[in-house]
């Protein structure tokens, strides 16, 4: 089965949202209006792709505001951490993005290990149990 036909896992969706939040934080830190507009559009586009049923306008607004608030918190904490460590905010945000991706990879590895335990097969593809 290809990734194209794979049902998204909650971990994948969470990672995608995490990266959207980091993107919002980066846009806020940049102070660039075009970057902020693009980030807000990215939030809307991501939500549209992740929900199974259309959200009501109010639900959509609440979720968008939550993602934006997450970006604001991430931007503030990244700025504080950068000031404390002498690193740039961009370095801190890059580290945050790497952490999101790393968590997703760990979830993939756990899922793969669990699948191997549930379906032990020998080299010929036959069940050994």
N, C-alpha and C. Protein backbone atom coordinates (compact mmCIF):
# COMPACT_ATOMS: atom_id res chain seq x y z
N UNK A 1 0.85 -1.17 0.00
CA UNK A 1 0.00 0.00 0.00
C UNK A 1 0.90 1.23 0.00
N UNK A 2 0.57 2.21 -0.79
CA UNK A 2 1.36 3.43 -0.85
C UNK A 2 0.88 4.42 0.20
N UNK A 3 1.74 5.39 0.52
CA UNK A 3 1.36 6.42 1.48
C UNK A 3 0.15 7.20 1.00
N UNK A 4 -0.02 7.27 -0.32
CA UNK A 4 -1.13 8.02 -0.90
C UNK A 4 -2.48 7.46 -0.44
N UNK A 5 -2.55 6.14 -0.20
CA UNK A 5 -3.81 5.50 0.17
C UNK A 5 -3.88 5.18 1.66
N UNK A 6 -2.86 5.53 2.40
CA UNK A 6 -2.79 5.23 3.82
C UNK A 6 -3.73 6.16 4.59
N UNK A 7 -4.43 5.60 5.56
CA UNK A 7 -5.28 6.41 6.43
C UNK A 7 -4.37 7.18 7.37
N UNK A 8 -4.53 8.49 7.43
CA UNK A 8 -3.67 9.27 8.32
C UNK A 8 -3.86 8.85 9.77
N UNK A 9 -2.76 8.76 10.48
CA UNK A 9 -2.81 8.45 11.90
C UNK A 9 -2.92 9.74 12.69
N UNK A 10 -3.45 9.68 13.89
CA UNK A 10 -3.52 10.89 14.72
C UNK A 10 -2.15 11.53 14.92
N UNK A 11 -1.10 10.71 15.02
CA UNK A 11 0.25 11.24 15.20
C UNK A 11 0.67 12.08 14.00
N UNK A 12 0.29 11.64 12.80
CA UNK A 12 0.62 12.40 11.60
C UNK A 12 -0.11 13.74 11.58
N UNK A 13 -1.38 13.70 11.93
CA UNK A 13 -2.16 14.93 11.96
C UNK A 13 -1.63 15.88 13.03
N UNK A 14 -1.28 15.33 14.19
CA UNK A 14 -0.74 16.16 15.27
C UNK A 14 0.59 16.79 14.85
N UNK A 15 1.42 16.03 14.16
CA UNK A 15 2.70 16.57 13.70
C UNK A 15 2.47 17.69 12.69
N UNK A 16 1.53 17.47 11.81
CA UNK A 16 1.23 18.51 10.82
C UNK A 16 0.75 19.79 11.50
N UNK A 17 -0.14 19.64 12.47
CA UNK A 17 -0.60 20.81 13.21
C UNK A 17 0.53 21.46 14.00
N UNK A 18 1.40 20.64 14.57
CA UNK A 18 2.55 21.18 15.29
C UNK A 18 3.43 22.03 14.40
N UNK A 19 3.65 21.56 13.19
CA UNK A 19 4.47 22.34 12.24
C UNK A 19 3.76 23.62 11.82
N UNK A 20 2.44 23.56 11.72
CA UNK A 20 1.67 24.78 11.40
C UNK A 20 1.83 25.80 12.52
N UNK A 21 1.80 25.33 13.76
CA UNK A 21 1.97 26.23 14.91
C UNK A 21 3.38 26.84 14.90
N UNK A 22 4.40 26.03 14.62
CA UNK A 22 5.76 26.56 14.54
C UNK A 22 5.86 27.58 13.40
N UNK A 23 5.18 27.30 12.29
CA UNK A 23 5.15 28.26 11.19
C UNK A 23 4.51 29.58 11.59
N UNK A 24 3.45 29.50 12.36
CA UNK A 24 2.79 30.71 12.87
C UNK A 24 3.74 31.48 13.79
N UNK A 25 4.46 30.76 14.63
CA UNK A 25 5.43 31.41 15.52
C UNK A 25 6.52 32.11 14.71
N UNK A 26 7.01 31.45 13.68
CA UNK A 26 8.05 32.06 12.84
C UNK A 26 7.52 33.31 12.15
N UNK A 27 6.28 33.25 11.69
CA UNK A 27 5.68 34.42 11.04
C UNK A 27 5.53 35.57 12.03
N UNK A 28 5.11 35.25 13.25
CA UNK A 28 4.97 36.28 14.28
C UNK A 28 6.32 36.90 14.61
N UNK A 29 7.34 36.07 14.73
CA UNK A 29 8.68 36.57 15.06
C UNK A 29 9.23 37.45 13.95
N UNK A 30 8.88 37.13 12.71
CA UNK A 30 9.41 37.91 11.58
C UNK A 30 8.80 39.31 11.52
N UNK A 31 7.56 39.43 12.00
CA UNK A 31 6.88 40.71 11.93
C UNK A 31 6.44 41.09 10.52
N UNK A 32 6.54 40.16 9.60
CA UNK A 32 6.20 40.39 8.20
C UNK A 32 4.71 40.11 7.99
N UNK A 33 3.97 41.12 7.56
CA UNK A 33 2.52 40.97 7.36
C UNK A 33 2.20 39.89 6.33
N UNK A 34 2.98 39.82 5.26
CA UNK A 34 2.73 38.80 4.23
C UNK A 34 2.95 37.40 4.81
N UNK A 35 3.97 37.24 5.65
CA UNK A 35 4.22 35.94 6.28
C UNK A 35 3.08 35.58 7.22
N UNK A 36 2.58 36.56 7.96
CA UNK A 36 1.44 36.31 8.86
C UNK A 36 0.20 35.91 8.08
N UNK A 37 -0.07 36.62 6.99
CA UNK A 37 -1.22 36.27 6.15
C UNK A 37 -1.09 34.86 5.59
N UNK A 38 0.11 34.52 5.12
CA UNK A 38 0.35 33.18 4.57
C UNK A 38 0.20 32.12 5.65
N UNK A 39 0.67 32.42 6.86
CA UNK A 39 0.55 31.46 7.95
C UNK A 39 -0.91 31.24 8.33
N UNK A 40 -1.68 32.31 8.39
CA UNK A 40 -3.10 32.17 8.72
C UNK A 40 -3.83 31.37 7.64
N UNK A 41 -3.47 31.59 6.39
CA UNK A 41 -4.07 30.80 5.31
C UNK A 41 -3.66 29.33 5.44
N UNK A 42 -2.41 29.10 5.83
CA UNK A 42 -1.93 27.74 6.03
C UNK A 42 -2.71 27.04 7.14
N UNK A 43 -3.03 27.77 8.20
CA UNK A 43 -3.85 27.21 9.28
C UNK A 43 -5.21 26.78 8.72
N UNK A 44 -5.85 27.67 7.98
CA UNK A 44 -7.17 27.35 7.41
C UNK A 44 -7.09 26.16 6.46
N UNK A 45 -6.10 26.16 5.58
CA UNK A 45 -5.96 25.06 4.62
C UNK A 45 -5.72 23.73 5.32
N UNK A 46 -4.87 23.76 6.33
CA UNK A 46 -4.57 22.53 7.06
C UNK A 46 -5.81 22.00 7.76
N UNK A 47 -6.55 22.88 8.41
CA UNK A 47 -7.78 22.45 9.08
C UNK A 47 -8.77 21.86 8.09
N UNK A 48 -8.91 22.50 6.94
CA UNK A 48 -9.83 21.99 5.92
C UNK A 48 -9.46 20.57 5.50
N UNK A 49 -8.17 20.29 5.42
CA UNK A 49 -7.72 18.97 4.98
C UNK A 49 -7.79 17.92 6.08
N UNK A 50 -7.76 18.35 7.34
CA UNK A 50 -7.73 17.40 8.44
C UNK A 50 -9.10 16.98 8.96
N UNK A 51 -10.10 17.82 8.77
CA UNK A 51 -11.41 17.49 9.34
C UNK A 51 -12.19 16.58 8.39
N UNK A 52 -12.91 15.63 8.99
CA UNK A 52 -13.71 14.70 8.21
C UNK A 52 -15.07 15.30 7.84
N UNK A 53 -15.60 16.10 8.71
CA UNK A 53 -16.89 16.75 8.49
C UNK A 53 -16.66 18.25 8.50
N UNK A 54 -17.39 18.98 7.68
CA UNK A 54 -17.21 20.44 7.71
C UNK A 54 -17.51 21.00 9.10
N UNK A 55 -16.68 21.92 9.52
CA UNK A 55 -16.91 22.59 10.79
C UNK A 55 -17.92 23.71 10.60
N UNK A 56 -18.61 24.03 11.67
CA UNK A 56 -19.46 25.22 11.61
C UNK A 56 -18.52 26.43 11.55
N UNK A 57 -19.01 27.56 11.09
CA UNK A 57 -18.14 28.74 11.06
C UNK A 57 -17.54 29.06 12.44
N UNK A 58 -18.32 28.90 13.48
CA UNK A 58 -17.81 29.18 14.83
C UNK A 58 -16.73 28.18 15.22
N UNK A 59 -16.95 26.89 14.95
CA UNK A 59 -15.94 25.89 15.27
C UNK A 59 -14.64 26.18 14.51
N UNK A 60 -14.79 26.52 13.25
CA UNK A 60 -13.61 26.82 12.44
C UNK A 60 -12.84 28.01 13.03
N UNK A 61 -13.57 29.03 13.42
CA UNK A 61 -12.92 30.21 14.00
C UNK A 61 -12.21 29.87 15.31
N UNK A 62 -12.85 29.06 16.15
CA UNK A 62 -12.25 28.67 17.42
C UNK A 62 -10.96 27.88 17.19
N UNK A 63 -11.00 26.92 16.28
CA UNK A 63 -9.82 26.09 16.02
C UNK A 63 -8.71 26.94 15.42
N UNK A 64 -9.05 27.85 14.52
CA UNK A 64 -8.04 28.75 13.94
C UNK A 64 -7.41 29.61 15.03
N UNK A 65 -8.23 30.09 15.94
CA UNK A 65 -7.71 30.93 17.04
C UNK A 65 -6.83 30.11 17.97
N UNK A 66 -7.19 28.85 18.20
CA UNK A 66 -6.35 27.99 19.03
C UNK A 66 -4.98 27.78 18.39
N UNK A 67 -4.97 27.52 17.09
CA UNK A 67 -3.70 27.34 16.39
C UNK A 67 -2.88 28.63 16.43
N UNK A 68 -3.54 29.74 16.25
CA UNK A 68 -2.86 31.03 16.30
C UNK A 68 -2.31 31.30 17.71
N UNK A 69 -3.11 30.98 18.72
CA UNK A 69 -2.65 31.15 20.10
C UNK A 69 -1.45 30.25 20.39
N UNK A 70 -1.49 29.04 19.86
CA UNK A 70 -0.34 28.14 20.01
C UNK A 70 0.90 28.74 19.38
N UNK A 71 0.73 29.37 18.23
CA UNK A 71 1.85 30.04 17.58
C UNK A 71 2.36 31.20 18.40
N UNK A 72 1.45 31.95 19.01
CA UNK A 72 1.85 33.07 19.85
C UNK A 72 2.64 32.59 21.06
N UNK A 73 2.16 31.53 21.70
CA UNK A 73 2.89 30.96 22.84
C UNK A 73 4.26 30.45 22.41
N UNK A 74 4.30 29.75 21.29
CA UNK A 74 5.56 29.22 20.78
C UNK A 74 6.53 30.35 20.46
N UNK A 75 6.03 31.42 19.86
CA UNK A 75 6.89 32.56 19.54
C UNK A 75 7.45 33.19 20.81
N UNK A 76 6.59 33.39 21.79
CA UNK A 76 7.04 34.00 23.05
C UNK A 76 8.05 33.14 23.78
N UNK A 77 7.75 31.86 23.89
CA UNK A 77 8.68 30.96 24.58
C UNK A 77 9.99 30.81 23.81
N UNK A 78 9.90 30.79 22.49
CA UNK A 78 11.11 30.69 21.67
C UNK A 78 11.98 31.93 21.84
N UNK A 79 11.34 33.09 21.90
CA UNK A 79 12.09 34.33 22.12
C UNK A 79 12.78 34.33 23.47
N UNK A 80 12.07 33.88 24.50
CA UNK A 80 12.65 33.82 25.84
C UNK A 80 13.80 32.81 25.89
N UNK A 81 13.60 31.65 25.30
CA UNK A 81 14.66 30.64 25.28
C UNK A 81 15.87 31.12 24.50
N UNK A 82 15.62 31.78 23.39
CA UNK A 82 16.73 32.32 22.59
C UNK A 82 17.53 33.34 23.41
N UNK A 83 16.83 34.20 24.13
CA UNK A 83 17.51 35.21 24.95
C UNK A 83 18.33 34.56 26.06
N UNK A 84 17.79 33.50 26.67
CA UNK A 84 18.48 32.81 27.76
C UNK A 84 19.71 32.05 27.29
N UNK A 85 19.63 31.49 26.10
CA UNK A 85 20.70 30.61 25.62
C UNK A 85 21.67 31.31 24.68
N UNK A 86 21.36 32.53 24.27
CA UNK A 86 22.22 33.24 23.34
C UNK A 86 22.10 32.73 21.91
N UNK A 87 21.08 31.96 21.64
CA UNK A 87 20.83 31.46 20.28
C UNK A 87 19.85 32.39 19.59
N UNK A 88 19.72 32.22 18.28
CA UNK A 88 18.74 33.03 17.55
C UNK A 88 17.36 32.38 17.70
N UNK A 89 16.34 33.19 17.58
CA UNK A 89 14.97 32.67 17.63
C UNK A 89 14.76 31.67 16.50
N UNK A 90 15.33 31.94 15.34
CA UNK A 90 15.21 31.01 14.22
C UNK A 90 15.77 29.64 14.58
N UNK A 91 16.91 29.61 15.29
CA UNK A 91 17.49 28.33 15.72
C UNK A 91 16.55 27.59 16.66
N UNK A 92 15.94 28.33 17.58
CA UNK A 92 15.03 27.71 18.54
C UNK A 92 13.80 27.16 17.82
N UNK A 93 13.25 27.94 16.89
CA UNK A 93 12.07 27.47 16.15
C UNK A 93 12.41 26.29 15.26
N UNK A 94 13.61 26.30 14.68
CA UNK A 94 14.04 25.14 13.89
C UNK A 94 14.12 23.90 14.78
N UNK A 95 14.63 24.08 15.99
CA UNK A 95 14.67 22.96 16.93
C UNK A 95 13.28 22.46 17.29
N UNK A 96 12.34 23.39 17.43
CA UNK A 96 10.96 23.00 17.72
C UNK A 96 10.38 22.18 16.57
N UNK A 97 10.63 22.62 15.35
CA UNK A 97 10.13 21.88 14.18
C UNK A 97 10.77 20.49 14.11
N UNK A 98 12.07 20.42 14.38
CA UNK A 98 12.74 19.11 14.38
C UNK A 98 12.15 18.19 15.45
N UNK A 99 11.80 18.75 16.60
CA UNK A 99 11.20 17.95 17.66
C UNK A 99 9.85 17.38 17.25
N UNK A 100 9.06 18.18 16.56
CA UNK A 100 7.76 17.71 16.07
C UNK A 100 7.95 16.54 15.11
N UNK A 101 8.88 16.70 14.17
CA UNK A 101 9.15 15.64 13.20
C UNK A 101 9.71 14.41 13.90
N UNK A 102 10.58 14.60 14.88
CA UNK A 102 11.15 13.47 15.62
C UNK A 102 10.07 12.69 16.35
N UNK A 103 9.12 13.39 16.97
CA UNK A 103 8.02 12.71 17.66
C UNK A 103 7.22 11.85 16.68
N UNK A 104 6.99 12.36 15.49
CA UNK A 104 6.26 11.60 14.48
C UNK A 104 7.04 10.35 14.09
N UNK A 105 8.34 10.49 13.93
CA UNK A 105 9.17 9.33 13.57
C UNK A 105 9.18 8.29 14.69
N UNK A 106 9.21 8.74 15.93
CA UNK A 106 9.14 7.80 17.06
C UNK A 106 7.82 7.05 17.04
N UNK A 107 6.74 7.74 16.74
CA UNK A 107 5.43 7.09 16.65
C UNK A 107 5.43 6.06 15.53
N UNK A 108 6.06 6.39 14.40
CA UNK A 108 6.18 5.43 13.29
C UNK A 108 6.93 4.19 13.73
N UNK A 109 8.04 4.39 14.43
CA UNK A 109 8.86 3.26 14.88
C UNK A 109 8.08 2.39 15.87
N UNK A 110 7.36 3.02 16.79
CA UNK A 110 6.55 2.24 17.75
C UNK A 110 5.47 1.46 17.03
N UNK A 111 4.84 2.08 16.05
CA UNK A 111 3.79 1.40 15.29
C UNK A 111 4.37 0.22 14.53
N UNK A 112 5.53 0.41 13.90
CA UNK A 112 6.18 -0.67 13.16
C UNK A 112 6.55 -1.82 14.08
N UNK A 113 7.08 -1.49 15.27
CA UNK A 113 7.46 -2.53 16.23
C UNK A 113 6.23 -3.29 16.71
N UNK A 114 5.15 -2.58 16.95
CA UNK A 114 3.91 -3.22 17.38
C UNK A 114 3.35 -4.13 16.31
N UNK A 115 3.44 -3.71 15.06
CA UNK A 115 2.94 -4.53 13.95
C UNK A 115 3.77 -5.80 13.82
N UNK A 116 5.07 -5.71 14.02
CA UNK A 116 5.93 -6.88 13.92
C UNK A 116 5.64 -7.87 15.04
N UNK A 117 5.32 -7.37 16.23
CA UNK A 117 4.99 -8.25 17.34
C UNK A 117 3.66 -8.95 17.12
N UNK A 118 2.71 -8.27 16.49
CA UNK A 118 1.39 -8.86 16.24
C UNK A 118 1.42 -9.83 15.07
N UNK A 119 2.37 -9.67 14.16
CA UNK A 119 2.39 -10.45 12.93
C UNK A 119 3.80 -11.00 12.66
N UNK A 120 4.29 -11.89 13.53
CA UNK A 120 5.64 -12.41 13.31
C UNK A 120 5.67 -13.32 12.09
N UNK A 121 6.60 -13.06 11.19
CA UNK A 121 6.75 -13.88 9.99
C UNK A 121 8.23 -14.18 9.80
N UNK A 122 8.50 -15.35 9.20
CA UNK A 122 9.89 -15.66 8.90
C UNK A 122 10.28 -15.04 7.57
N UNK A 123 11.47 -15.31 7.11
CA UNK A 123 11.97 -14.72 5.88
C UNK A 123 11.14 -15.07 4.66
N UNK A 124 10.37 -16.15 4.70
CA UNK A 124 9.55 -16.55 3.56
C UNK A 124 8.17 -15.89 3.58
N UNK A 125 7.91 -15.07 4.60
CA UNK A 125 6.61 -14.42 4.68
C UNK A 125 5.55 -15.31 5.29
N UNK A 126 5.97 -16.43 5.88
CA UNK A 126 4.99 -17.34 6.50
C UNK A 126 4.98 -17.12 8.01
N UNK A 127 3.83 -17.29 8.59
CA UNK A 127 3.67 -17.14 10.02
C UNK A 127 4.46 -18.22 10.74
N UNK A 128 5.26 -17.80 11.75
CA UNK A 128 6.05 -18.77 12.49
C UNK A 128 5.30 -19.31 13.70
N UNK A 129 4.16 -18.71 14.05
CA UNK A 129 3.44 -19.07 15.27
C UNK A 129 2.54 -20.20 15.13
